[in-house]
Structures are given as structure tokens and as C-alpha cells.
Amino acid sequence: MHDSTEQHQRAAHGAHPFAPVPAPRANVTLARNCRECRSWGTVITEQGRHELCPACQLPGGPAS
């Protein structure tokens, strides 16, 4: 019989199966020292979506 922790670890690899879309890829060079996203390059919106930081990642943002 397999250990339940071992079974969970095997099943837990990869993205969450219910994730709607992959997390956006941020340019970490542009994100450096951004106060809006704390240098992550992405933010979580009020609706719970994971999006690129509008301050440092999107063209025309305040950092441009």
C-alpha cells in the first residue's frame, strides 16, 4: 500500500487542474523597484485575476 503523502506528491505536479489560464509572464527588468507590484511584475485584480502590472508591464503605463 502506498503512503498517502507519496500519492499526493505525485498528483500535485504541474499547474492546478482548475486554473483558468496560466499566470502571465512578466519582464522582471521592467518590474524592478515598481511600487504597484512590489517588483513582481504581476498583480491580482479585485476580481481575482492574475494580470501583468499596469504600472510597469503594459505599454503606456506610468513607468513608461
C-alpha atoms as a PDB file:
ATOM      1  CA  MET A   1       0.000   0.000   0.000  1.00  0.00           C
ATOM      2  CA  HIS A   2       1.307   3.468  -0.937  1.00  0.00           C
ATOM      3  CA  ASP A   3       1.796   6.246   1.567  1.00  0.00           C
ATOM      4  CA  SER A   4      -0.895   8.943   1.061  1.00  0.00           C
ATOM      5  CA  THR A   5       1.747  11.707   1.129  1.00  0.00           C
ATOM      6  CA  GLU A   6       3.632   9.993  -1.680  1.00  0.00           C
ATOM      7  CA  GLN A   7       0.430   9.708  -3.735  1.00  0.00           C
ATOM      8  CA  HIS A   8      -0.354  13.388  -3.158  1.00  0.00           C
ATOM      9  CA  GLN A   9       3.139  14.475  -4.213  1.00  0.00           C
ATOM     10  CA  ARG A  10       2.872  12.527  -7.463  1.00  0.00           C
ATOM     11  CA  ALA A  11      -0.559  14.003  -8.195  1.00  0.00           C
ATOM     12  CA  ALA A  12       0.466  17.566  -7.282  1.00  0.00           C
ATOM     13  CA  HIS A  13       2.957  18.139 -10.113  1.00  0.00           C
ATOM     14  CA  GLY A  14       2.129  20.758 -12.723  1.00  0.00           C
ATOM     15  CA  ALA A  15      -0.491  23.505 -12.791  1.00  0.00           C
ATOM     16  CA  HIS A  16      -3.671  23.258 -10.788  1.00  0.00           C
ATOM     17  CA  PRO A  17      -6.247  21.445 -12.946  1.00  0.00           C
ATOM     18  CA  PHE A  18      -8.913  24.108 -12.336  1.00  0.00           C
ATOM     19  CA  ALA A  19      -6.670  27.087 -13.109  1.00  0.00           C
ATOM     20  CA  PRO A  20      -8.437  29.133 -15.820  1.00  0.00           C
ATOM     21  CA  VAL A  21      -5.291  30.366 -17.581  1.00  0.00           C
ATOM     22  CA  PRO A  22      -1.564  30.281 -16.904  1.00  0.00           C
ATOM     23  CA  ALA A  23      -0.066  33.174 -14.955  1.00  0.00           C
ATOM     24  CA  PRO A  24       1.193  35.950 -17.252  1.00  0.00           C
ATOM     25  CA  ARG A  25       4.946  36.200 -17.842  1.00  0.00           C
ATOM     26  CA  ALA A  26       6.334  39.455 -16.522  1.00  0.00           C
ATOM     27  CA  ASN A  27       9.533  41.189 -17.574  1.00  0.00           C
ATOM     28  CA  VAL A  28      11.459  41.291 -14.285  1.00  0.00           C
ATOM     29  CA  THR A  29      13.751  44.041 -15.562  1.00  0.00           C
ATOM     30  CA  LEU A  30      10.773  46.359 -16.039  1.00  0.00           C
ATOM     31  CA  ALA A  31       9.305  45.289 -12.680  1.00  0.00           C
ATOM     32  CA  ARG A  32      12.408  46.180 -10.671  1.00  0.00           C
ATOM     33  CA  ASN A  33      11.548  48.784  -7.995  1.00  0.00           C
ATOM     34  CA  CYS A  34       7.874  49.040  -9.027  1.00  0.00           C
ATOM     35  CA  ARG A  35       5.745  50.101  -6.062  1.00  0.00           C
ATOM     36  CA  GLU A  36       2.474  48.826  -7.559  1.00  0.00           C
ATOM     37  CA  CYS A  37       3.505  45.165  -7.841  1.00  0.00           C
ATOM     38  CA  ARG A  38       6.436  45.224  -5.391  1.00  0.00           C
ATOM     39  CA  SER A  39       8.795  44.172  -8.192  1.00  0.00           C
ATOM     40  CA  TRP A  40       6.827  41.019  -9.096  1.00  0.00           C
ATOM     41  CA  GLY A  41       5.549  42.336 -12.441  1.00  0.00           C
ATOM     42  CA  THR A  42       2.067  40.926 -11.850  1.00  0.00           C
ATOM     43  CA  VAL A  43      -0.913  41.851  -9.693  1.00  0.00           C
ATOM     44  CA  ILE A  44      -4.118  40.171  -8.548  1.00  0.00           C
ATOM     45  CA  THR A  45      -7.156  42.220  -9.515  1.00  0.00           C
ATOM     46  CA  GLU A  46     -10.220  42.798  -7.331  1.00  0.00           C
ATOM     47  CA  GLN A  47     -11.950  40.157  -9.480  1.00  0.00           C
ATOM     48  CA  GLY A  48      -9.228  37.641  -8.577  1.00  0.00           C
ATOM     49  CA  ARG A  49      -7.484  37.613 -11.971  1.00  0.00           C
ATOM     50  CA  HIS A  50      -3.699  37.360 -12.200  1.00  0.00           C
ATOM     51  CA  GLU A  51      -2.594  40.100 -14.635  1.00  0.00           C
ATOM     52  CA  LEU A  52       0.516  41.989 -15.680  1.00  0.00           C
ATOM     53  CA  CYS A  53       1.143  45.079 -13.590  1.00  0.00           C
ATOM     54  CA  PRO A  54      -0.362  48.100 -15.373  1.00  0.00           C
ATOM     55  CA  ALA A  55       2.285  50.398 -13.880  1.00  0.00           C
ATOM     56  CA  CYS A  56       5.420  48.663 -15.150  1.00  0.00           C
ATOM     57  CA  GLN A  57       4.486  45.976 -17.686  1.00  0.00           C
ATOM     58  CA  LEU A  58       1.901  47.471 -20.017  1.00  0.00           C
ATOM     59  CA  PRO A  59       2.822  49.981 -22.744  1.00  0.00           C
ATOM     60  CA  GLY A  60       1.804  53.495 -21.776  1.00  0.00           C
ATOM     61  CA  GLY A  61       1.816  52.730 -18.044  1.00  0.00           C
ATOM     62  CA  PRO A  62       3.101  55.321 -15.553  1.00  0.00           C
ATOM     63  CA  ALA A  63       6.639  53.926 -15.709  1.00  0.00           C
ATOM     64  CA  SER A  64       6.860  54.473 -19.488  1.00  0.00           C
END
